[in-house]
PDB file of all heavy atoms in Angstrom:
ATOM      1  N   PHE A   1      88.382 -73.639-106.515  1.00  0.00           N
ATOM      2  CA  PHE A   1      89.546 -74.479-106.377  1.00  0.00           C
ATOM      3  C   PHE A   1      90.641 -74.207-107.463  1.00  0.00           C
ATOM      4  O   PHE A   1      91.775 -74.000-107.128  1.00  0.00           O
ATOM      5  CB  PHE A   1      89.282 -75.998-106.439  1.00  0.00           C
ATOM      6  CG  PHE A   1      90.437 -77.001-106.303  1.00  0.00           C
ATOM      7  CD1 PHE A   1      90.870 -77.151-105.091  1.00  0.00           C
ATOM      8  CD2 PHE A   1      91.076 -77.486-107.493  1.00  0.00           C
ATOM      9  CE1 PHE A   1      92.075 -77.999-104.907  1.00  0.00           C
ATOM     10  CE2 PHE A   1      92.106 -78.221-107.370  1.00  0.00           C
ATOM     11  CZ  PHE A   1      92.691 -78.442-106.054  1.00  0.00           C
ATOM     12  N   THR A   2      90.157 -74.042-108.741  1.00  0.00           N
ATOM     13  CA  THR A   2      90.987 -73.706-109.783  1.00  0.00           C
ATOM     14  C   THR A   2      91.552 -72.260-109.627  1.00  0.00           C
ATOM     15  O   THR A   2      92.681 -71.956-109.849  1.00  0.00           O
ATOM     16  CB  THR A   2      90.289 -73.807-111.118  1.00  0.00           C
ATOM     17  OG1 THR A   2      89.698 -75.030-111.236  1.00  0.00           O
ATOM     18  CG2 THR A   2      91.217 -73.500-112.311  1.00  0.00           C
ATOM     19  N   PHE A   3      90.742 -71.361-109.137  1.00  0.00           N
ATOM     20  CA  PHE A   3      91.044 -70.037-108.808  1.00  0.00           C
ATOM     21  C   PHE A   3      92.189 -69.960-107.757  1.00  0.00           C
ATOM     22  O   PHE A   3      93.222 -69.272-108.053  1.00  0.00           O
ATOM     23  CB  PHE A   3      89.806 -69.296-108.217  1.00  0.00           C
ATOM     24  CG  PHE A   3      90.078 -67.747-107.953  1.00  0.00           C
ATOM     25  CD1 PHE A   3      89.704 -66.908-109.068  1.00  0.00           C
ATOM     26  CD2 PHE A   3      90.523 -67.323-106.864  1.00  0.00           C
ATOM     27  CE1 PHE A   3      89.967 -65.555-108.805  1.00  0.00           C
ATOM     28  CE2 PHE A   3      90.761 -65.906-106.590  1.00  0.00           C
ATOM     29  CZ  PHE A   3      90.412 -65.065-107.641  1.00  0.00           C
ATOM     30  N   SER A   4      92.123 -70.793-106.692  1.00  0.00           N
ATOM     31  CA  SER A   4      93.183 -70.845-105.624  1.00  0.00           C
ATOM     32  C   SER A   4      94.486 -71.511-106.265  1.00  0.00           C
ATOM     33  O   SER A   4      95.553 -70.930-105.919  1.00  0.00           O
ATOM     34  CB  SER A   4      92.716 -71.736-104.534  1.00  0.00           C
ATOM     35  OG  SER A   4      91.493 -71.209-103.928  1.00  0.00           O
ATOM     36  N   ALA A   5      94.293 -72.455-107.066  1.00  0.00           N
ATOM     37  CA  ALA A   5      95.423 -73.191-107.668  1.00  0.00           C
ATOM     38  C   ALA A   5      96.139 -72.101-108.625  1.00  0.00           C
ATOM     39  O   ALA A   5      97.362 -72.027-108.655  1.00  0.00           O
ATOM     40  CB  ALA A   5      95.053 -74.344-108.516  1.00  0.00           C
ATOM     41  N   GLY A   6      95.362 -71.296-109.343  1.00  0.00           N
ATOM     42  CA  GLY A   6      95.889 -70.354-110.288  1.00  0.00           C
ATOM     43  C   GLY A   6      96.765 -69.305-109.531  1.00  0.00           C
ATOM     44  O   GLY A   6      97.838 -68.864-109.821  1.00  0.00           O
ATOM     45  N   ARG A   7      96.204 -68.791-108.350  1.00  0.00           N
ATOM     46  CA  ARG A   7      96.999 -67.856-107.483  1.00  0.00           C
ATOM     47  C   ARG A   7      98.251 -68.489-107.000  1.00  0.00           C
ATOM     48  O   ARG A   7      99.274 -67.829-106.965  1.00  0.00           O
ATOM     49  CB  ARG A   7      96.123 -67.331-106.392  1.00  0.00           C
ATOM     50  CG  ARG A   7      95.012 -66.428-106.879  1.00  0.00           C
ATOM     51  CD  ARG A   7      94.589 -65.471-105.784  1.00  0.00           C
ATOM     52  NE  ARG A   7      93.861 -64.268-106.363  1.00  0.00           N
ATOM     53  CZ  ARG A   7      93.150 -63.439-105.653  1.00  0.00           C
ATOM     54  NH1 ARG A   7      93.050 -63.578-104.378  1.00  0.00           N
ATOM     55  NH2 ARG A   7      92.538 -62.465-106.333  1.00  0.00           N
ATOM     56  N   LEU A   8      98.186 -69.786-106.626  1.00  0.00           N
ATOM     57  CA  LEU A   8      99.378 -70.368-106.153  1.00  0.00           C
ATOM     58  C   LEU A   8     100.456 -70.503-107.222  1.00  0.00           C
ATOM     59  O   LEU A   8     101.673 -70.296-107.069  1.00  0.00           O
ATOM     60  CB  LEU A   8      99.109 -71.790-105.615  1.00  0.00           C
ATOM     61  CG  LEU A   8     100.159 -72.541-104.961  1.00  0.00           C
ATOM     62  CD1 LEU A   8     100.776 -71.779-103.624  1.00  0.00           C
ATOM     63  CD2 LEU A   8      99.708 -73.959-104.513  1.00  0.00           C
ATOM     64  N   ILE A   9     100.076 -70.924-108.417  1.00  0.00           N
ATOM     65  CA  ILE A   9     100.918 -71.071-109.537  1.00  0.00           C
ATOM     66  C   ILE A   9     101.576 -69.710-109.950  1.00  0.00           C
ATOM     67  O   ILE A   9     102.744 -69.534-110.176  1.00  0.00           O
ATOM     68  CB  ILE A   9     100.261 -71.723-110.603  1.00  0.00           C
ATOM     69  CG1 ILE A   9      99.982 -73.242-110.366  1.00  0.00           C
ATOM     70  CG2 ILE A   9     101.106 -71.595-112.006  1.00  0.00           C
ATOM     71  CD1 ILE A   9      99.088 -73.857-111.351  1.00  0.00           C
ATOM     72  N   PHE A  10     100.678 -68.673-109.917  1.00  0.00           N
ATOM     73  CA  PHE A  10     101.131 -67.310-110.351  1.00  0.00           C
ATOM     74  C   PHE A  10     102.115 -66.761-109.297  1.00  0.00           C
ATOM     75  O   PHE A  10     102.932 -65.809-109.722  1.00  0.00           O
ATOM     76  CB  PHE A  10     100.047 -66.447-110.655  1.00  0.00           C
ATOM     77  CG  PHE A  10      99.391 -66.485-112.001  1.00  0.00           C
ATOM     78  CD1 PHE A  10      98.156 -67.083-112.225  1.00  0.00           C
ATOM     79  CD2 PHE A  10     100.111 -66.105-113.066  1.00  0.00           C
ATOM     80  CE1 PHE A  10      97.695 -67.230-113.455  1.00  0.00           C
ATOM     81  CE2 PHE A  10      99.559 -66.179-114.330  1.00  0.00           C
ATOM     82  CZ  PHE A  10      98.313 -66.739-114.615  1.00  0.00           C
ATOM     83  N   ILE A  11     102.063 -67.215-108.047  1.00  0.00           N
ATOM     84  CA  ILE A  11     103.114 -66.787-107.167  1.00  0.00           C
ATOM     85  C   ILE A  11     104.422 -67.216-107.703  1.00  0.00           C
ATOM     86  O   ILE A  11     105.367 -66.329-107.628  1.00  0.00           O
ATOM     87  CB  ILE A  11     102.735 -67.447-105.745  1.00  0.00           C
ATOM     88  CG1 ILE A  11     101.599 -66.811-105.164  1.00  0.00           C
ATOM     89  CG2 ILE A  11     103.989 -67.195-104.881  1.00  0.00           C
ATOM     90  CD1 ILE A  11     101.222 -67.495-103.825  1.00  0.00           C
ATOM     91  N   PHE A  12     104.651 -68.356-108.157  1.00  0.00           N
ATOM     92  CA  PHE A  12     105.875 -68.852-108.739  1.00  0.00           C
ATOM     93  C   PHE A  12     106.270 -68.200-110.003  1.00  0.00           C
ATOM     94  O   PHE A  12     107.432 -67.863-110.364  1.00  0.00           O
ATOM     95  CB  PHE A  12     105.857 -70.426-108.818  1.00  0.00           C
ATOM     96  CG  PHE A  12     105.769 -71.090-107.497  1.00  0.00           C
ATOM     97  CD1 PHE A  12     104.495 -71.598-107.144  1.00  0.00           C
ATOM     98  CD2 PHE A  12     106.840 -71.146-106.600  1.00  0.00           C
ATOM     99  CE1 PHE A  12     104.417 -72.241-105.897  1.00  0.00           C
ATOM    100  CE2 PHE A  12     106.749 -71.751-105.395  1.00  0.00           C
ATOM    101  CZ  PHE A  12     105.479 -72.287-104.992  1.00  0.00           C
ATOM    102  N   LEU A  13     105.220 -67.972-110.871  1.00  0.00           N
ATOM    103  CA  LEU A  13     105.449 -67.284-112.155  1.00  0.00           C
ATOM    104  C   LEU A  13     105.899 -65.901-111.999  1.00  0.00           C
ATOM    105  O   LEU A  13     106.613 -65.383-112.760  1.00  0.00           O
ATOM    106  CB  LEU A  13     104.188 -67.367-113.016  1.00  0.00           C
ATOM    107  CG  LEU A  13     103.697 -68.695-113.529  1.00  0.00           C
ATOM    108  CD1 LEU A  13     102.433 -68.625-114.286  1.00  0.00           C
ATOM    109  CD2 LEU A  13     104.921 -69.364-114.374  1.00  0.00           C
ATOM    110  N   ALA A  14     105.447 -65.294-110.935  1.00  0.00           N
ATOM    111  CA  ALA A  14     105.848 -63.881-110.631  1.00  0.00           C
ATOM    112  C   ALA A  14     107.274 -63.709-110.365  1.00  0.00           C
ATOM    113  O   ALA A  14     107.883 -62.702-110.463  1.00  0.00           O
ATOM    114  CB  ALA A  14     105.039 -63.357-109.418  1.00  0.00           C
ATOM    115  N   ARG A  15     107.999 -64.862-109.899  1.00  0.00           N
ATOM    116  CA  ARG A  15     109.343 -64.803-109.689  1.00  0.00           C
ATOM    117  C   ARG A  15     110.206 -65.002-110.992  1.00  0.00           C
ATOM    118  O   ARG A  15     111.348 -64.692-111.090  1.00  0.00           O
ATOM    119  CB  ARG A  15     109.730 -65.956-108.767  1.00  0.00           C
ATOM    120  CG  ARG A  15     109.268 -65.745-107.250  1.00  0.00           C
ATOM    121  CD  ARG A  15     109.614 -66.892-106.452  1.00  0.00           C
ATOM    122  NE  ARG A  15     109.256 -66.673-104.937  1.00  0.00           N
ATOM    123  CZ  ARG A  15     109.962 -66.043-104.119  1.00  0.00           C
ATOM    124  NH1 ARG A  15     111.194 -65.627-104.431  1.00  0.00           N
ATOM    125  NH2 ARG A  15     109.502 -65.845-102.843  1.00  0.00           N
ATOM    126  N   CYS A  16     109.441 -65.485-112.050  1.00  0.00           N
ATOM    127  CA  CYS A  16     110.205 -65.836-113.274  1.00  0.00           C
ATOM    128  C   CYS A  16     109.911 -64.858-114.361  1.00  0.00           C
ATOM    129  O   CYS A  16     110.730 -64.576-115.213  1.00  0.00           O
ATOM    130  CB  CYS A  16     109.719 -67.223-113.774  1.00  0.00           C
ATOM    131  SG  CYS A  16     109.971 -68.584-112.579  1.00  0.00           S
ATOM    132  N   LEU A  17     108.732 -64.178-114.279  1.00  0.00           N
ATOM    133  CA  LEU A  17     108.279 -63.341-115.417  1.00  0.00           C
ATOM    134  C   LEU A  17     108.163 -61.845-114.830  1.00  0.00           C
ATOM    135  O   LEU A  17     107.819 -61.679-113.771  1.00  0.00           O
ATOM    136  CB  LEU A  17     106.972 -63.763-115.888  1.00  0.00           C
ATOM    137  CG  LEU A  17     106.773 -65.148-116.529  1.00  0.00           C
ATOM    138  CD1 LEU A  17     105.405 -65.460-117.056  1.00  0.00           C
ATOM    139  CD2 LEU A  17     107.723 -65.258-117.779  1.00  0.00           C
ATOM    140  N   PHE A  18     108.517 -60.896-115.755  1.00  0.00           N
ATOM    141  CA  PHE A  18     108.269 -59.530-115.340  1.00  0.00           C
ATOM    142  C   PHE A  18     106.748 -59.235-115.236  1.00  0.00           C
ATOM    143  O   PHE A  18     106.012 -59.903-115.965  1.00  0.00           O
ATOM    144  CB  PHE A  18     108.896 -58.550-116.480  1.00  0.00           C
ATOM    145  CG  PHE A  18     110.398 -58.640-116.445  1.00  0.00           C
ATOM    146  CD1 PHE A  18     111.121 -59.205-117.529  1.00  0.00           C
ATOM    147  CD2 PHE A  18     111.118 -58.090-115.446  1.00  0.00           C
ATOM    148  CE1 PHE A  18     112.459 -59.215-117.659  1.00  0.00           C
ATOM    149  CE2 PHE A  18     112.463 -58.124-115.430  1.00  0.00           C
ATOM    150  CZ  PHE A  18     113.169 -58.679-116.582  1.00  0.00           C
ATOM    151  N   VAL A  19     106.460 -58.373-114.352  1.00  0.00           N
ATOM    152  CA  VAL A  19     104.922 -58.115-114.162  1.00  0.00           C
ATOM    153  C   VAL A  19     104.313 -57.578-115.381  1.00  0.00           C
ATOM    154  O   VAL A  19     103.159 -57.704-115.725  1.00  0.00           O
ATOM    155  CB  VAL A  19     104.794 -57.113-112.926  1.00  0.00           C
ATOM    156  CG1 VAL A  19     105.373 -55.695-113.268  1.00  0.00           C
ATOM    157  CG2 VAL A  19     103.381 -57.006-112.547  1.00  0.00           C
ATOM    158  N   ARG A  20     105.222 -56.897-116.299  1.00  0.00           N
ATOM    159  CA  ARG A  20     104.671 -56.405-117.611  1.00  0.00           C
ATOM    160  C   ARG A  20     104.261 -57.480-118.487  1.00  0.00           C
ATOM    161  O   ARG A  20     103.314 -57.340-119.304  1.00  0.00           O
ATOM    162  CB  ARG A  20     105.716 -55.468-118.170  1.00  0.00           C
ATOM    163  CG  ARG A  20     106.045 -54.194-117.443  1.00  0.00           C
ATOM    164  CD  ARG A  20     107.358 -53.561-117.981  1.00  0.00           C
ATOM    165  NE  ARG A  20     108.484 -54.419-117.537  1.00  0.00           N
ATOM    166  CZ  ARG A  20     109.728 -54.218-118.047  1.00  0.00           C
ATOM    167  NH1 ARG A  20     109.960 -53.233-118.749  1.00  0.00           N
ATOM    168  NH2 ARG A  20     110.727 -55.002-117.684  1.00  0.00           N
ATOM    169  N   ILE A  21     104.919 -58.632-118.380  1.00  0.00           N
ATOM    170  CA  ILE A  21     104.519 -59.778-119.182  1.00  0.00           C
ATOM    171  C   ILE A  21     103.444 -60.594-118.562  1.00  0.00           C
ATOM    172  O   ILE A  21     102.469 -60.980-119.224  1.00  0.00           O
ATOM    173  CB  ILE A  21     105.778 -60.766-119.310  1.00  0.00           C
ATOM    174  CG1 ILE A  21     107.033 -59.967-119.932  1.00  0.00           C
ATOM    175  CG2 ILE A  21     105.363 -61.972-120.151  1.00  0.00           C
ATOM    176  CD1 ILE A  21     106.695 -59.478-121.347  1.00  0.00           C
ATOM    177  N   LEU A  22     103.429 -60.602-117.218  1.00  0.00           N
ATOM    178  CA  LEU A  22     102.443 -61.377-116.499  1.00  0.00           C
ATOM    179  C   LEU A  22     101.057 -60.836-116.743  1.00  0.00           C
ATOM    180  O   LEU A  22     100.061 -61.523-116.873  1.00  0.00           O
ATOM    181  CB  LEU A  22     102.800 -61.405-115.026  1.00  0.00           C
ATOM    182  CG  LEU A  22     102.406 -62.543-114.075  1.00  0.00           C
ATOM    183  CD1 LEU A  22     102.867 -63.800-114.628  1.00  0.00           C
ATOM    184  CD2 LEU A  22     102.740 -62.300-112.662  1.00  0.00           C
ATOM    185  N   ILE A  23     100.918 -59.439-116.733  1.00  0.00           N
ATOM    186  CA  ILE A  23      99.672 -58.853-116.866  1.00  0.00           C
ATOM    187  C   ILE A  23      99.032 -59.052-118.256  1.00  0.00           C
ATOM    188  O   ILE A  23      97.871 -59.282-118.543  1.00  0.00           O
ATOM    189  CB  ILE A  23      99.671 -57.419-116.518  1.00  0.00           C
ATOM    190  CG1 ILE A  23      98.217 -56.787-116.304  1.00  0.00           C
ATOM    191  CG2 ILE A  23     100.327 -56.585-117.615  1.00  0.00           C
ATOM    192  CD1 ILE A  23      98.312 -55.392-115.676  1.00  0.00           C
ATOM    193  N   ILE A  24      99.935 -59.203-119.336  1.00  0.00           N
ATOM    194  CA  ILE A  24      99.520 -59.515-120.637  1.00  0.00           C
ATOM    195  C   ILE A  24      98.987 -60.900-120.700  1.00  0.00           C
ATOM    196  O   ILE A  24      98.006 -61.304-121.326  1.00  0.00           O
ATOM    197  CB  ILE A  24     100.645 -59.237-121.672  1.00  0.00           C
ATOM    198  CG1 ILE A  24     101.000 -57.730-121.530  1.00  0.00           C
ATOM    199  CG2 ILE A  24     100.276 -59.728-123.038  1.00  0.00           C
ATOM    200  CD1 ILE A  24     102.135 -57.306-122.499  1.00  0.00           C
ATOM    201  N   VAL A  25      99.764 -61.952-120.091  1.00  0.00           N
ATOM    202  CA  VAL A  25      99.409 -63.316-120.145  1.00  0.00           C
ATOM    203  C   VAL A  25      98.040 -63.577-119.499  1.00  0.00           C
ATOM    204  O   VAL A  25      97.150 -64.181-120.043  1.00  0.00           O
ATOM    205  CB  VAL A  25     100.430 -64.112-119.337  1.00  0.00           C
ATOM    206  CG1 VAL A  25      99.974 -65.589-119.124  1.00  0.00           C
ATOM    207  CG2 VAL A  25     101.755 -64.137-120.202  1.00  0.00           C
ATOM    208  N   GLU A  26      97.809 -62.883-118.379  1.00  0.00           N
ATOM    209  CA  GLU A  26      96.536 -63.022-117.668  1.00  0.00           C
ATOM    210  C   GLU A  26      95.366 -62.452-118.426  1.00  0.00           C
ATOM    211  O   GLU A  26      94.285 -63.116-118.460  1.00  0.00           O
ATOM    212  CB  GLU A  26      96.594 -62.410-116.313  1.00  0.00           C
ATOM    213  CG  GLU A  26      97.632 -63.055-115.354  1.00  0.00           C
ATOM    214  CD  GLU A  26      97.837 -62.298-114.082  1.00  0.00           C
ATOM    215  OE1 GLU A  26      97.271 -61.284-113.856  1.00  0.00           O
ATOM    216  OE2 GLU A  26      98.777 -62.862-113.242  1.00  0.00           O
ATOM    217  N   SER A  27      95.577 -61.202-118.910  1.00  0.00           N
ATOM    218  CA  SER A  27      94.471 -60.570-119.647  1.00  0.00           C
ATOM    219  C   SER A  27      94.216 -61.211-120.931  1.00  0.00           C
ATOM    220  O   SER A  27      93.024 -61.407-121.313  1.00  0.00           O
ATOM    221  CB  SER A  27      94.890 -59.102-119.975  1.00  0.00           C
ATOM    222  OG  SER A  27      95.143 -58.353-118.798  1.00  0.00           O
ATOM    223  N   GLY A  28      95.270 -61.783-121.607  1.00  0.00           N
ATOM    224  CA  GLY A  28      94.908 -62.533-122.868  1.00  0.00           C
ATOM    225  C   GLY A  28      94.239 -63.828-122.646  1.00  0.00           C
ATOM    226  O   GLY A  28      93.372 -64.149-123.280  1.00  0.00           O
ATOM    227  N   GLY A  29      94.530 -64.509-121.378  1.00  0.00           N
ATOM    228  CA  GLY A  29      93.858 -65.801-121.160  1.00  0.00           C
ATOM    229  C   GLY A  29      92.368 -65.507-120.752  1.00  0.00           C
ATOM    230  O   GLY A  29      91.509 -66.250-121.227  1.00  0.00           O
ATOM    231  N   ILE A  30      92.153 -64.467-120.072  1.00  0.00           N
ATOM    232  CA  ILE A  30      90.771 -64.039-119.725  1.00  0.00           C
ATOM    233  C   ILE A  30      89.943 -63.761-121.025  1.00  0.00           C
ATOM    234  O   ILE A  30      88.853 -64.188-121.240  1.00  0.00           O
ATOM    235  CB  ILE A  30      90.698 -62.829-118.719  1.00  0.00           C
ATOM    236  CG1 ILE A  30      91.205 -63.230-117.486  1.00  0.00           C
ATOM    237  CG2 ILE A  30      89.377 -62.304-118.762  1.00  0.00           C
ATOM    238  CD1 ILE A  30      91.437 -62.043-116.491  1.00  0.00           C
ATOM    239  N   ALA A  31      90.615 -62.939-122.009  1.00  0.00           N
ATOM    240  CA  ALA A  31      89.944 -62.649-123.171  1.00  0.00           C
ATOM    241  C   ALA A  31      89.552 -63.816-124.010  1.00  0.00           C
ATOM    242  O   ALA A  31      88.485 -63.995-124.580  1.00  0.00           O
ATOM    243  CB  ALA A  31      90.917 -61.649-124.058  1.00  0.00           C
ATOM    244  N   VAL A  32      90.603 -64.739-124.218  1.00  0.00           N
ATOM    245  CA  VAL A  32      90.369 -65.896-125.017  1.00  0.00           C
ATOM    246  C   VAL A  32      89.283 -66.855-124.428  1.00  0.00           C
ATOM    247  O   VAL A  32      88.398 -67.253-125.088  1.00  0.00           O
ATOM    248  CB  VAL A  32      91.644 -66.667-125.294  1.00  0.00           C
ATOM    249  CG1 VAL A  32      91.409 -67.983-125.958  1.00  0.00           C
ATOM    250  CG2 VAL A  32      92.587 -65.894-126.113  1.00  0.00           C
ATOM    251  N   SER A  33      89.390 -67.081-123.061  1.00  0.00           N
ATOM    252  CA  SER A  33      88.496 -67.985-122.570  1.00  0.00           C
ATOM    253  C   SER A  33      87.034 -67.369-122.481  1.00  0.00           C
ATOM    254  O   SER A  33      86.030 -68.117-122.565  1.00  0.00           O
ATOM    255  CB  SER A  33      88.874 -68.341-121.012  1.00  0.00           C
ATOM    256  OG  SER A  33      88.978 -67.195-120.278  1.00  0.00           O
ATOM    257  N   SER A  34      86.931 -66.130-122.376  1.00  0.00           N
ATOM    258  CA  SER A  34      85.646 -65.438-122.406  1.00  0.00           C
ATOM    259  C   SER A  34      84.913 -65.552-123.751  1.00  0.00           C
ATOM    260  O   SER A  34      83.778 -65.933-123.861  1.00  0.00           O
ATOM    261  CB  SER A  34      85.764 -63.981-122.085  1.00  0.00           C
ATOM    262  OG  SER A  34      86.307 -63.761-120.870  1.00  0.00           O
ATOM    263  N   VAL A  35      85.668 -65.396-124.792  1.00  0.00           N
ATOM    264  CA  VAL A  35      85.111 -65.607-126.237  1.00  0.00           C
ATOM    265  C   VAL A  35      84.680 -67.039-126.457  1.00  0.00           C
ATOM    266  O   VAL A  35      83.717 -67.289-127.001  1.00  0.00           O
ATOM    267  CB  VAL A  35      86.229 -65.174-127.298  1.00  0.00           C
ATOM    268  CG1 VAL A  35      85.776 -65.596-128.643  1.00  0.00           C
ATOM    269  CG2 VAL A  35      86.457 -63.689-127.122  1.00  0.00           C
ATOM    270  N   LEU A  36      85.497 -67.956-125.879  1.00  0.00           N
ATOM    271  CA  LEU A  36      85.203 -69.430-126.146  1.00  0.00           C
ATOM    272  C   LEU A  36      83.980 -69.848-125.304  1.00  0.00           C
ATOM    273  O   LEU A  36      83.136 -70.643-125.776  1.00  0.00           O
ATOM    274  CB  LEU A  36      86.380 -70.316-125.663  1.00  0.00           C
ATOM    275  CG  LEU A  36      87.676 -70.132-126.493  1.00  0.00           C
ATOM    276  CD1 LEU A  36      88.722 -71.045-125.991  1.00  0.00           C
ATOM    277  CD2 LEU A  36      87.366 -70.633-128.017  1.00  0.00           C
TER     278      LEU A  36
END
């Protein structure tokens, strides 16, 4: 459910952020949450 909500939210974020920024935000979030 969170996965689906994330994709829905990133649909709107993709309109506001450059894809070069978006890929850094996603990768950084995965890295931090994995370590935690």
